[in-house]
Amino acid sequence: MDSILKVENLKMFYHTSKGAVRAIDDISFELKAGETLGLVGESGCGKTSMGTSILRMPTAPGRYESGRIYIDGQDVIPMPEKDVRKSIRWEKIAMVFQGAMNCLTPVYTIGRQMLETLHEHREMDDKQAVELISEYLQLVGLPSEVMGRYPHELSGGMKQRVVIATALFLKPKIVILDEPTTALDVIVQAQIINLLKKLKSTFDLSFIFITHDLALEAEVADRLCVMYAGKIAEIGPNSSIYGARGALHPYTEKLLQATPLLHKKVDNLSFIPGTPPDLIDPPKGCRFNPRCHKVMDKCRTDEPPLIEIEAGHQVACWRCTK
């Protein structure tokens, strides 16, 4: 499969009065056409920062330090903002942001907010726009009447469906989903996941699925990318990481051991001692070394490279270089 998205040696830091927070620190990966890449890790590891950086919308005071982001073979970082807004953002890549309630303006109707996005990118009269919006609302399981309602009149699941419809009606090929099931009850979560699977198949979409839930990633993702402290700890096919061989990085191993499983008995869930590091002054060597149960002397002094262990499976751990 061809790569529809390619990230090369990307660095994006938040510049604060106390120093630069190294949120995305020399990360490289690819997304294939029609693939779902799961992006996981603890809070503060850089997952959402990665999503907004790919969208060319790093949150202030964040800025790119170096690297490339290729979408359909075009590096979007040096592009003028007006060109990104016109031809890249929402046209080729869209994002369902975390927390649908925060994405919708409470004083405008759903229809007005969706119309504003549509008119920004398409030249069409209001009748045509309303017909298109109605079509996509029905596609995500909502009646057309939702256009006349305000966000507070909708349930959490309905608002999430509105945000998904808004992300899709310009027909981008890449959609970044940032915790799309957070704050929803388990029944609605299942409905949203089944909806996303259906839409992915219908529109031949490529997803970057950001979540803390490794059990959910096992169901929806084709590959798993594990981030820790602004870096990739491990990336590989689900069949490798969740399969017989299992995770190779100690961090991924601990995350999986902390995940409840329905298909087998688990007497005790594991946990990772300590807390994530300060990214203004990260630990020397491997950034996970202060919390690692398999740490070696070399881990405390030298940063491990991300190396390929088997086809498509890479890990940044000195134990895997032997």
C-alpha atoms as a PDB file:
ATOM      1  CA  MET A   1       0.000   0.000   0.000  1.00  0.00           C
ATOM      2  CA  ASP A   2       1.124   3.542  -0.721  1.00  0.00           C
ATOM      3  CA  SER A   3       1.778   5.964   2.129  1.00  0.00           C
ATOM      4  CA  ILE A   4      -0.884   8.667   2.282  1.00  0.00           C
ATOM      5  CA  LEU A   5       0.866  10.377   5.220  1.00  0.00           C
ATOM      6  CA  LYS A   6       4.567  10.445   6.067  1.00  0.00           C
ATOM      7  CA  VAL A   7       6.112  12.115   9.113  1.00  0.00           C
ATOM      8  CA  GLU A   8       9.896  12.530   9.078  1.00  0.00           C
ATOM      9  CA  ASN A   9      12.021  13.519  12.106  1.00  0.00           C
ATOM     10  CA  LEU A  10       9.308  15.845  13.406  1.00  0.00           C
ATOM     11  CA  LYS A  11      10.082  18.099  16.354  1.00  0.00           C
ATOM     12  CA  MET A  12       7.427  20.364  17.851  1.00  0.00           C
ATOM     13  CA  PHE A  13       8.162  22.117  21.161  1.00  0.00           C
ATOM     14  CA  TYR A  14       6.020  24.300  23.420  1.00  0.00           C
ATOM     15  CA  HIS A  15       8.081  27.368  24.281  1.00  0.00           C
ATOM     16  CA  THR A  16       7.252  28.511  27.819  1.00  0.00           C
ATOM     17  CA  SER A  17       8.807  30.917  30.307  1.00  0.00           C
ATOM     18  CA  LYS A  18      10.457  27.936  32.018  1.00  0.00           C
ATOM     19  CA  GLY A  19      11.897  26.467  28.825  1.00  0.00           C
ATOM     20  CA  ALA A  20      10.967  24.360  25.791  1.00  0.00           C
ATOM     21  CA  VAL A  21       8.619  21.434  26.424  1.00  0.00           C
ATOM     22  CA  ARG A  22       9.776  18.708  24.014  1.00  0.00           C
ATOM     23  CA  ALA A  23       6.275  17.403  23.222  1.00  0.00           C
ATOM     24  CA  ILE A  24       7.175  15.866  19.831  1.00  0.00           C
ATOM     25  CA  ASP A  25      10.863  15.012  19.733  1.00  0.00           C
ATOM     26  CA  ASP A  26      12.230  13.501  16.508  1.00  0.00           C
ATOM     27  CA  ILE A  27       9.333  11.252  15.486  1.00  0.00           C
ATOM     28  CA  SER A  28       8.983   9.430  12.157  1.00  0.00           C
ATOM     29  CA  PHE A  29       6.225   7.119  10.890  1.00  0.00           C
ATOM     30  CA  GLU A  30       3.979   6.469   7.893  1.00  0.00           C
ATOM     31  CA  LEU A  31       0.248   5.909   7.421  1.00  0.00           C
ATOM     32  CA  LYS A  32      -0.846   3.668   4.580  1.00  0.00           C
ATOM     33  CA  ALA A  33      -3.965   4.207   2.482  1.00  0.00           C
ATOM     34  CA  GLY A  34      -6.952   2.538   4.123  1.00  0.00           C
ATOM     35  CA  GLU A  35      -5.044   1.832   7.353  1.00  0.00           C
ATOM     36  CA  THR A  36      -5.924   2.578  10.972  1.00  0.00           C
ATOM     37  CA  LEU A  37      -2.924   3.522  13.108  1.00  0.00           C
ATOM     38  CA  GLY A  38      -3.543   3.406  16.845  1.00  0.00           C
ATOM     39  CA  LEU A  39      -1.693   6.047  18.875  1.00  0.00           C
ATOM     40  CA  VAL A  40      -1.471   5.191  22.579  1.00  0.00           C
ATOM     41  CA  GLY A  41       0.365   6.221  25.730  1.00  0.00           C
ATOM     42  CA  GLU A  42      -0.145   7.913  29.087  1.00  0.00           C
ATOM     43  CA  SER A  43      -1.512  11.433  29.420  1.00  0.00           C
ATOM     44  CA  GLY A  44       1.154  13.966  28.479  1.00  0.00           C
ATOM     45  CA  CYS A  45       3.090  11.632  26.187  1.00  0.00           C
ATOM     46  CA  GLY A  46       2.350  13.763  23.096  1.00  0.00           C
ATOM     47  CA  LYS A  47      -0.584  11.980  21.436  1.00  0.00           C
ATOM     48  CA  THR A  48      -2.851  15.000  20.975  1.00  0.00           C
ATOM     49  CA  SER A  49       0.147  17.215  20.179  1.00  0.00           C
ATOM     50  CA  MET A  50       0.997  14.781  17.396  1.00  0.00           C
ATOM     51  CA  GLY A  51      -2.548  14.963  16.041  1.00  0.00           C
ATOM     52  CA  THR A  52      -2.708  18.755  15.975  1.00  0.00           C
ATOM     53  CA  SER A  53       0.829  18.955  14.547  1.00  0.00           C
ATOM     54  CA  ILE A  54      -0.109  16.705  11.630  1.00  0.00           C
ATOM     55  CA  LEU A  55      -3.136  18.933  11.029  1.00  0.00           C
ATOM     56  CA  ARG A  56      -0.726  21.930  10.900  1.00  0.00           C
ATOM     57  CA  MET A  57      -2.421  23.371  13.985  1.00  0.00           C
ATOM     58  CA  PRO A  58       0.063  23.118  16.882  1.00  0.00           C
ATOM     59  CA  THR A  59      -1.497  24.693  19.963  1.00  0.00           C
ATOM     60  CA  ALA A  60       0.173  27.925  21.091  1.00  0.00           C
ATOM     61  CA  PRO A  61       2.901  28.330  22.267  1.00  0.00           C
ATOM     62  CA  GLY A  62       3.912  25.296  20.219  1.00  0.00           C
ATOM     63  CA  ARG A  63       6.000  25.599  17.072  1.00  0.00           C
ATOM     64  CA  TYR A  64       7.842  23.306  14.694  1.00  0.00           C
ATOM     65  CA  GLU A  65      11.560  22.976  15.263  1.00  0.00           C
ATOM     66  CA  SER A  66      12.385  20.663  12.365  1.00  0.00           C
ATOM     67  CA  GLY A  67      11.064  17.776  10.321  1.00  0.00           C
ATOM     68  CA  ARG A  68       8.607  17.151   7.504  1.00  0.00           C
ATOM     69  CA  ILE A  69       4.925  16.192   7.230  1.00  0.00           C
ATOM     70  CA  TYR A  70       4.023  14.833   3.806  1.00  0.00           C
ATOM     71  CA  ILE A  71       0.333  14.542   2.914  1.00  0.00           C
ATOM     72  CA  ASP A  72      -0.176  13.009  -0.515  1.00  0.00           C
ATOM     73  CA  GLY A  73       3.520  13.617  -1.145  1.00  0.00           C
ATOM     74  CA  GLN A  74       3.381  17.355  -0.299  1.00  0.00           C
ATOM     75  CA  ASP A  75       5.259  18.798   2.684  1.00  0.00           C
ATOM     76  CA  VAL A  76       2.680  20.931   4.493  1.00  0.00           C
ATOM     77  CA  ILE A  77       4.930  22.578   7.114  1.00  0.00           C
ATOM     78  CA  PRO A  78       6.386  25.323   4.860  1.00  0.00           C
ATOM     79  CA  MET A  79       3.029  26.008   3.161  1.00  0.00           C
ATOM     80  CA  PRO A  80       1.338  29.396   3.805  1.00  0.00           C
ATOM     81  CA  GLU A  81      -1.595  29.129   6.208  1.00  0.00           C
ATOM     82  CA  LYS A  82      -4.091  30.282   3.566  1.00  0.00           C
ATOM     83  CA  ASP A  83      -3.030  27.418   1.280  1.00  0.00           C
ATOM     84  CA  VAL A  84      -3.284  24.890   4.117  1.00  0.00           C
ATOM     85  CA  ARG A  85      -6.801  26.109   4.920  1.00  0.00           C
ATOM     86  CA  LYS A  86      -7.849  25.972   1.282  1.00  0.00           C
ATOM     87  CA  SER A  87      -6.360  22.706   0.058  1.00  0.00           C
ATOM     88  CA  ILE A  88      -5.174  20.580   3.007  1.00  0.00           C
ATOM     89  CA  ARG A  89      -7.074  21.027   6.270  1.00  0.00           C
ATOM     90  CA  TRP A  90     -10.532  19.408   6.102  1.00  0.00           C
ATOM     91  CA  GLU A  91      -9.961  18.754   2.366  1.00  0.00           C
ATOM     92  CA  LYS A  92      -7.325  16.023   2.670  1.00  0.00           C
ATOM     93  CA  ILE A  93      -7.081  15.603   6.429  1.00  0.00           C
ATOM     94  CA  ALA A  94      -9.602  16.267   9.193  1.00  0.00           C
ATOM     95  CA  MET A  95      -9.710  15.779  12.946  1.00  0.00           C
ATOM     96  CA  VAL A  96     -12.379  14.798  15.434  1.00  0.00           C
ATOM     97  CA  PHE A  97     -11.149  16.662  18.502  1.00  0.00           C
ATOM     98  CA  GLN A  98     -11.335  15.324  22.030  1.00  0.00           C
ATOM     99  CA  GLY A  99     -14.563  16.348  23.747  1.00  0.00           C
ATOM    100  CA  ALA A 100     -17.378  17.063  21.287  1.00  0.00           C
ATOM    101  CA  MET A 101     -18.984  19.479  23.758  1.00  0.00           C
ATOM    102  CA  ASN A 102     -15.948  21.751  23.504  1.00  0.00           C
ATOM    103  CA  CYS A 103     -15.974  21.701  19.694  1.00  0.00           C
ATOM    104  CA  LEU A 104     -19.466  23.084  19.214  1.00  0.00           C
ATOM    105  CA  THR A 105     -20.345  26.731  19.869  1.00  0.00           C
ATOM    106  CA  PRO A 106     -23.276  26.766  22.337  1.00  0.00           C
ATOM    107  CA  VAL A 107     -24.967  29.901  20.914  1.00  0.00           C
ATOM    108  CA  TYR A 108     -25.193  28.672  17.294  1.00  0.00           C
ATOM    109  CA  THR A 109     -27.377  25.922  15.898  1.00  0.00           C
ATOM    110  CA  ILE A 110     -25.772  22.772  14.561  1.00  0.00           C
ATOM    111  CA  GLY A 111     -26.796  23.705  11.019  1.00  0.00           C
ATOM    112  CA  ARG A 112     -25.220  27.164  11.215  1.00  0.00           C
ATOM    113  CA  GLN A 113     -21.918  25.763  12.450  1.00  0.00           C
ATOM    114  CA  MET A 114     -21.793  23.106   9.750  1.00  0.00           C
ATOM    115  CA  LEU A 115     -22.783  25.635   7.075  1.00  0.00           C
ATOM    116  CA  GLU A 116     -19.925  27.919   8.112  1.00  0.00           C
ATOM    117  CA  THR A 117     -17.396  25.125   7.590  1.00  0.00           C
ATOM    118  CA  LEU A 118     -18.923  24.123   4.268  1.00  0.00           C
ATOM    119  CA  HIS A 119     -19.066  27.660   2.841  1.00  0.00           C
ATOM    120  CA  GLU A 120     -15.419  28.185   3.777  1.00  0.00           C
ATOM    121  CA  HIS A 121     -14.427  25.402   1.366  1.00  0.00           C
ATOM    122  CA  ARG A 122     -17.206  25.043  -1.218  1.00  0.00           C
ATOM    123  CA  GLU A 123     -19.029  27.471  -3.468  1.00  0.00           C
ATOM    124  CA  MET A 124     -22.682  26.423  -3.234  1.00  0.00           C
ATOM    125  CA  ASP A 125     -25.968  28.027  -2.329  1.00  0.00           C
ATOM    126  CA  ASP A 126     -27.656  27.426   1.010  1.00  0.00           C
ATOM    127  CA  LYS A 127     -30.128  24.919  -0.447  1.00  0.00           C
ATOM    128  CA  GLN A 128     -27.354  22.708  -1.805  1.00  0.00           C
ATOM    129  CA  ALA A 129     -25.371  23.049   1.428  1.00  0.00           C
ATOM    130  CA  VAL A 130     -28.362  22.104   3.586  1.00  0.00           C
ATOM    131  CA  GLU A 131     -29.001  19.046   1.408  1.00  0.00           C
ATOM    132  CA  LEU A 132     -25.369  17.941   1.786  1.00  0.00           C
ATOM    133  CA  ILE A 133     -25.386  18.498   5.545  1.00  0.00           C
ATOM    134  CA  SER A 134     -28.665  16.591   5.843  1.00  0.00           C
ATOM    135  CA  GLU A 135     -27.153  13.711   3.863  1.00  0.00           C
ATOM    136  CA  TYR A 136     -24.139  13.430   6.174  1.00  0.00           C
ATOM    137  CA  LEU A 137     -26.205  13.766   9.347  1.00  0.00           C
ATOM    138  CA  GLN A 138     -28.333  10.866   8.172  1.00  0.00           C
ATOM    139  CA  LEU A 139     -25.169   8.972   7.283  1.00  0.00           C
ATOM    140  CA  VAL A 140     -24.068   9.112  10.933  1.00  0.00           C
ATOM    141  CA  GLY A 141     -27.535   8.135  12.145  1.00  0.00           C
ATOM    142  CA  LEU A 142     -29.029  11.545  12.955  1.00  0.00           C
ATOM    143  CA  PRO A 143     -32.278  13.073  11.594  1.00  0.00           C
ATOM    144  CA  SER A 144     -32.117  16.234   9.496  1.00  0.00           C
ATOM    145  CA  GLU A 145     -33.998  18.107  12.238  1.00  0.00           C
ATOM    146  CA  VAL A 146     -30.776  18.168  14.260  1.00  0.00           C
ATOM    147  CA  MET A 147     -29.651  21.126  12.104  1.00  0.00           C
ATOM    148  CA  GLY A 148     -32.114  23.375  13.903  1.00  0.00           C
ATOM    149  CA  ARG A 149     -31.023  22.380  17.394  1.00  0.00           C
ATOM    150  CA  TYR A 150     -28.432  23.850  19.722  1.00  0.00           C
ATOM    151  CA  PRO A 151     -25.609  21.711  21.172  1.00  0.00           C
ATOM    152  CA  HIS A 152     -27.173  21.627  24.669  1.00  0.00           C
ATOM    153  CA  GLU A 153     -30.258  19.969  23.177  1.00  0.00           C
ATOM    154  CA  LEU A 154     -28.238  16.944  22.049  1.00  0.00           C
ATOM    155  CA  SER A 155     -26.879  14.001  23.999  1.00  0.00           C
ATOM    156  CA  GLY A 156     -23.138  13.329  24.166  1.00  0.00           C
ATOM    157  CA  GLY A 157     -23.379  10.604  21.529  1.00  0.00           C
ATOM    158  CA  MET A 158     -25.372  12.855  19.189  1.00  0.00           C
ATOM    159  CA  LYS A 159     -22.811  15.655  19.515  1.00  0.00           C
ATOM    160  CA  GLN A 160     -20.017  13.204  18.758  1.00  0.00           C
ATOM    161  CA  ARG A 161     -21.870  12.112  15.611  1.00  0.00           C
ATOM    162  CA  VAL A 162     -22.255  15.767  14.544  1.00  0.00           C
ATOM    163  CA  VAL A 163     -18.512  16.323  14.910  1.00  0.00           C
ATOM    164  CA  ILE A 164     -17.787  13.157  12.900  1.00  0.00           C
ATOM    165  CA  ALA A 165     -20.196  14.268  10.135  1.00  0.00           C
ATOM    166  CA  THR A 166     -18.530  17.711  10.019  1.00  0.00           C
ATOM    167  CA  ALA A 167     -15.112  16.079   9.686  1.00  0.00           C
ATOM    168  CA  LEU A 168     -16.286  13.933   6.779  1.00  0.00           C
ATOM    169  CA  PHE A 169     -18.492  16.051   4.516  1.00  0.00           C
ATOM    170  CA  LEU A 170     -15.548  17.490   2.553  1.00  0.00           C
ATOM    171  CA  LYS A 171     -14.421  13.903   1.887  1.00  0.00           C
ATOM    172  CA  PRO A 172     -10.872  13.920   3.328  1.00  0.00           C
ATOM    173  CA  LYS A 173      -8.896  10.696   3.050  1.00  0.00           C
ATOM    174  CA  ILE A 174      -7.234  10.982   6.490  1.00  0.00           C
ATOM    175  CA  VAL A 175      -9.169  11.443   9.731  1.00  0.00           C
ATOM    176  CA  ILE A 176      -7.504  11.884  13.126  1.00  0.00           C
ATOM    177  CA  LEU A 177      -9.752  10.687  15.949  1.00  0.00           C
ATOM    178  CA  ASP A 178      -8.722  12.005  19.362  1.00  0.00           C
ATOM    179  CA  GLU A 179     -10.425   9.974  22.100  1.00  0.00           C
ATOM    180  CA  PRO A 180     -13.703   9.780  20.120  1.00  0.00           C
ATOM    181  CA  THR A 181     -15.463   7.706  22.794  1.00  0.00           C
ATOM    182  CA  THR A 182     -14.350   9.605  25.919  1.00  0.00           C
ATOM    183  CA  ALA A 183     -17.158  10.556  28.355  1.00  0.00           C
ATOM    184  CA  LEU A 184     -19.668   8.327  26.541  1.00  0.00           C
ATOM    185  CA  ASP A 185     -21.384   5.351  28.178  1.00  0.00           C
ATOM    186  CA  VAL A 186     -20.385   1.881  26.984  1.00  0.00           C
ATOM    187  CA  ILE A 187     -23.440   1.387  24.757  1.00  0.00           C
ATOM    188  CA  VAL A 188     -22.875   4.690  22.939  1.00  0.00           C
ATOM    189  CA  GLN A 189     -19.147   3.924  22.722  1.00  0.00           C
ATOM    190  CA  ALA A 190     -19.933   0.689  20.892  1.00  0.00           C
ATOM    191  CA  GLN A 191     -22.303   2.533  18.546  1.00  0.00           C
ATOM    192  CA  ILE A 192     -19.655   5.163  17.708  1.00  0.00           C
ATOM    193  CA  ILE A 193     -16.980   2.507  17.080  1.00  0.00           C
ATOM    194  CA  ASN A 194     -19.318   0.536  14.790  1.00  0.00           C
ATOM    195  CA  LEU A 195     -20.203   3.782  12.980  1.00  0.00           C
ATOM    196  CA  LEU A 196     -16.514   4.609  12.438  1.00  0.00           C
ATOM    197  CA  LYS A 197     -15.845   1.137  11.054  1.00  0.00           C
ATOM    198  CA  LYS A 198     -18.753   1.531   8.624  1.00  0.00           C
ATOM    199  CA  LEU A 199     -17.628   4.992   7.494  1.00  0.00           C
ATOM    200  CA  LYS A 200     -14.038   3.812   7.052  1.00  0.00           C
ATOM    201  CA  SER A 201     -15.198   1.061   4.723  1.00  0.00           C
ATOM    202  CA  THR A 202     -17.697   3.285   2.864  1.00  0.00           C
ATOM    203  CA  PHE A 203     -15.259   6.131   2.149  1.00  0.00           C
ATOM    204  CA  ASP A 204     -11.976   4.162   2.113  1.00  0.00           C
ATOM    205  CA  LEU A 205     -10.597   6.319   4.933  1.00  0.00           C
ATOM    206  CA  SER A 206      -7.283   6.197   6.756  1.00  0.00           C
ATOM    207  CA  PHE A 207      -7.557   6.731  10.516  1.00  0.00           C
ATOM    208  CA  ILE A 208      -5.159   7.817  13.242  1.00  0.00           C
ATOM    209  CA  PHE A 209      -6.979   6.633  16.355  1.00  0.00           C
ATOM    210  CA  ILE A 210      -5.781   8.281  19.583  1.00  0.00           C
ATOM    211  CA  THR A 211      -6.823   6.674  22.870  1.00  0.00           C
ATOM    212  CA  HIS A 212      -5.644   5.375  26.260  1.00  0.00           C
ATOM    213  CA  ASP A 213      -7.626   2.176  25.741  1.00  0.00           C
ATOM    214  CA  LEU A 214      -5.342  -0.592  24.447  1.00  0.00           C
ATOM    215  CA  ALA A 215      -8.222  -3.079  24.432  1.00  0.00           C
ATOM    216  CA  LEU A 216     -10.107  -0.769  22.045  1.00  0.00           C
ATOM    217  CA  GLU A 217      -7.043  -0.385  19.821  1.00  0.00           C
ATOM    218  CA  ALA A 218      -6.830  -4.172  19.558  1.00  0.00           C
ATOM    219  CA  GLU A 219     -10.260  -4.085  17.933  1.00  0.00           C
ATOM    220  CA  VAL A 220     -10.017  -1.047  15.649  1.00  0.00           C
ATOM    221  CA  ALA A 221      -6.335  -0.555  14.705  1.00  0.00           C
ATOM    222  CA  ASP A 222      -4.169  -2.304  12.120  1.00  0.00           C
ATOM    223  CA  ARG A 223      -0.924  -1.030  13.657  1.00  0.00           C
ATOM    224  CA  LEU A 224      -0.079   0.309  17.095  1.00  0.00           C
ATOM    225  CA  CYS A 225       2.216   3.261  17.820  1.00  0.00           C
ATOM    226  CA  VAL A 226       3.190   3.573  21.492  1.00  0.00           C
ATOM    227  CA  MET A 227       4.423   7.004  22.574  1.00  0.00           C
ATOM    228  CA  TYR A 228       6.303   7.897  25.730  1.00  0.00           C
ATOM    229  CA  ALA A 229       7.585  11.349  26.716  1.00  0.00           C
ATOM    230  CA  GLY A 230       7.425  12.782  23.196  1.00  0.00           C
ATOM    231  CA  LYS A 231       9.036   9.808  21.478  1.00  0.00           C
ATOM    232  CA  ILE A 232       7.985   6.534  19.881  1.00  0.00           C
ATOM    233  CA  ALA A 233       8.749   3.588  22.159  1.00  0.00           C
ATOM    234  CA  GLU A 234       7.356   0.919  19.851  1.00  0.00           C
ATOM    235  CA  ILE A 235       5.420   0.704  16.606  1.00  0.00           C
ATOM    236  CA  GLY A 236       4.235  -2.402  14.832  1.00  0.00           C
ATOM    237  CA  PRO A 237       1.327  -4.497  13.542  1.00  0.00           C
ATOM    238  CA  ASN A 238      -1.351  -5.471  16.032  1.00  0.00           C
ATOM    239  CA  SER A 239      -0.715  -9.102  15.159  1.00  0.00           C
ATOM    240  CA  SER A 240       2.826  -8.745  16.533  1.00  0.00           C
ATOM    241  CA  ILE A 241       2.219  -6.601  19.621  1.00  0.00           C
ATOM    242  CA  TYR A 242      -0.970  -8.353  20.727  1.00  0.00           C
ATOM    243  CA  GLY A 243       0.095 -11.740  19.331  1.00  0.00           C
ATOM    244  CA  ALA A 244       2.167 -14.639  20.622  1.00  0.00           C
ATOM    245  CA  ARG A 245       5.455 -12.745  20.511  1.00  0.00           C
ATOM    246  CA  GLY A 246       3.961  -9.781  22.332  1.00  0.00           C
ATOM    247  CA  ALA A 247       5.287  -6.327  23.104  1.00  0.00           C
ATOM    248  CA  LEU A 248       9.057  -5.813  23.060  1.00  0.00           C
ATOM    249  CA  HIS A 249       9.397  -2.499  24.862  1.00  0.00           C
ATOM    250  CA  PRO A 250       9.030  -2.672  28.667  1.00  0.00           C
ATOM    251  CA  TYR A 251       6.666   0.323  28.581  1.00  0.00           C
ATOM    252  CA  THR A 252       4.306  -1.349  26.092  1.00  0.00           C
ATOM    253  CA  GLU A 253       4.527  -4.524  28.145  1.00  0.00           C
ATOM    254  CA  LYS A 254       3.433  -2.679  31.289  1.00  0.00           C
ATOM    255  CA  LEU A 255       0.601  -0.887  29.483  1.00  0.00           C
ATOM    256  CA  LEU A 256      -0.768  -4.215  28.266  1.00  0.00           C
ATOM    257  CA  GLN A 257      -0.440  -5.750  31.738  1.00  0.00           C
ATOM    258  CA  ALA A 258      -2.496  -2.846  33.102  1.00  0.00           C
ATOM    259  CA  THR A 259      -5.327  -3.513  30.617  1.00  0.00           C
ATOM    260  CA  PRO A 260      -8.297  -5.631  31.847  1.00  0.00           C
ATOM    261  CA  LEU A 261      -9.119  -8.525  29.510  1.00  0.00           C
ATOM    262  CA  LEU A 262     -12.531 -10.110  29.026  1.00  0.00           C
ATOM    263  CA  HIS A 263     -11.390 -13.380  27.458  1.00  0.00           C
ATOM    264  CA  LYS A 264      -9.156 -14.579  30.290  1.00  0.00           C
ATOM    265  CA  LYS A 265      -8.894 -14.340  34.062  1.00  0.00           C
ATOM    266  CA  VAL A 266      -6.592 -11.653  35.439  1.00  0.00           C
ATOM    267  CA  ASP A 267      -5.818 -11.905  39.148  1.00  0.00           C
ATOM    268  CA  ASN A 268      -3.805  -8.698  39.425  1.00  0.00           C
ATOM    269  CA  LEU A 269      -3.438  -5.756  37.087  1.00  0.00           C
ATOM    270  CA  SER A 270       0.058  -4.335  36.794  1.00  0.00           C
ATOM    271  CA  PHE A 271       0.941  -0.661  37.092  1.00  0.00           C
ATOM    272  CA  ILE A 272       3.839   1.585  36.134  1.00  0.00           C
ATOM    273  CA  PRO A 273       5.543   3.130  39.180  1.00  0.00           C
ATOM    274  CA  GLY A 274       6.447   6.807  39.210  1.00  0.00           C
ATOM    275  CA  THR A 275       5.186   9.544  36.933  1.00  0.00           C
ATOM    276  CA  PRO A 276       5.948  10.691  33.356  1.00  0.00           C
ATOM    277  CA  PRO A 277       9.074  12.873  33.128  1.00  0.00           C
ATOM    278  CA  ASP A 278       9.366  16.632  32.852  1.00  0.00           C
ATOM    279  CA  LEU A 279       9.764  17.273  29.125  1.00  0.00           C
ATOM    280  CA  ILE A 280      11.570  20.558  29.722  1.00  0.00           C
ATOM    281  CA  ASP A 281      14.420  18.533  31.226  1.00  0.00           C
ATOM    282  CA  PRO A 282      13.860  14.876  30.245  1.00  0.00           C
ATOM    283  CA  PRO A 283      15.981  12.056  31.703  1.00  0.00           C
ATOM    284  CA  LYS A 284      19.294  11.274  30.050  1.00  0.00           C
ATOM    285  CA  GLY A 285      19.398   8.120  27.950  1.00  0.00           C
ATOM    286  CA  CYS A 286      16.114   6.266  27.530  1.00  0.00           C
ATOM    287  CA  ARG A 287      13.344   8.503  28.847  1.00  0.00           C
ATOM    288  CA  PHE A 288      11.585   5.514  30.410  1.00  0.00           C
ATOM    289  CA  ASN A 289      14.635   4.373  32.393  1.00  0.00           C
ATOM    290  CA  PRO A 290      13.616   5.873  35.807  1.00  0.00           C
ATOM    291  CA  ARG A 291      10.407   3.761  35.739  1.00  0.00           C
ATOM    292  CA  CYS A 292      11.617   0.689  33.831  1.00  0.00           C
ATOM    293  CA  HIS A 293      11.648  -2.747  35.499  1.00  0.00           C
ATOM    294  CA  LYS A 294      14.278  -3.984  33.034  1.00  0.00           C
ATOM    295  CA  VAL A 295      16.640  -1.008  33.109  1.00  0.00           C
ATOM    296  CA  MET A 296      20.371  -1.504  32.375  1.00  0.00           C
ATOM    297  CA  ASP A 297      23.309   0.839  32.950  1.00  0.00           C
ATOM    298  CA  LYS A 298      23.391   1.774  29.263  1.00  0.00           C
ATOM    299  CA  CYS A 299      19.749   2.867  29.429  1.00  0.00           C
ATOM    300  CA  ARG A 300      20.693   5.643  31.854  1.00  0.00           C
ATOM    301  CA  THR A 301      23.352   7.169  29.619  1.00  0.00           C
ATOM    302  CA  ASP A 302      22.564   6.491  25.944  1.00  0.00           C
ATOM    303  CA  GLU A 303      19.324   7.074  24.077  1.00  0.00           C
ATOM    304  CA  PRO A 304      18.253   3.908  22.198  1.00  0.00           C
ATOM    305  CA  PRO A 305      17.545   4.212  18.460  1.00  0.00           C
ATOM    306  CA  LEU A 306      14.259   3.055  16.962  1.00  0.00           C
ATOM    307  CA  ILE A 307      15.284  -0.148  15.174  1.00  0.00           C
ATOM    308  CA  GLU A 308      13.352  -2.686  13.109  1.00  0.00           C
ATOM    309  CA  ILE A 309      13.106  -6.083  14.803  1.00  0.00           C
ATOM    310  CA  GLU A 310      10.912  -7.680  12.136  1.00  0.00           C
ATOM    311  CA  ALA A 311       8.997  -6.450   9.112  1.00  0.00           C
ATOM    312  CA  GLY A 312       7.121  -3.310  10.162  1.00  0.00           C
ATOM    313  CA  HIS A 313       7.878  -3.761  13.878  1.00  0.00           C
ATOM    314  CA  GLN A 314      10.219  -1.187  15.423  1.00  0.00           C
ATOM    315  CA  VAL A 315      11.252  -0.684  19.038  1.00  0.00           C
ATOM    316  CA  ALA A 316      13.493   1.756  20.903  1.00  0.00           C
ATOM    317  CA  CYS A 317      15.063  -0.399  23.615  1.00  0.00           C
ATOM    318  CA  TRP A 318      18.661  -1.398  24.232  1.00  0.00           C
ATOM    319  CA  ARG A 319      17.589  -4.923  25.210  1.00  0.00           C
ATOM    320  CA  CYS A 320      16.350  -5.465  21.665  1.00  0.00           C
ATOM    321  CA  THR A 321      19.670  -4.520  20.057  1.00  0.00           C
ATOM    322  CA  LYS A 322      21.529  -7.558  21.418  1.00  0.00           C
END
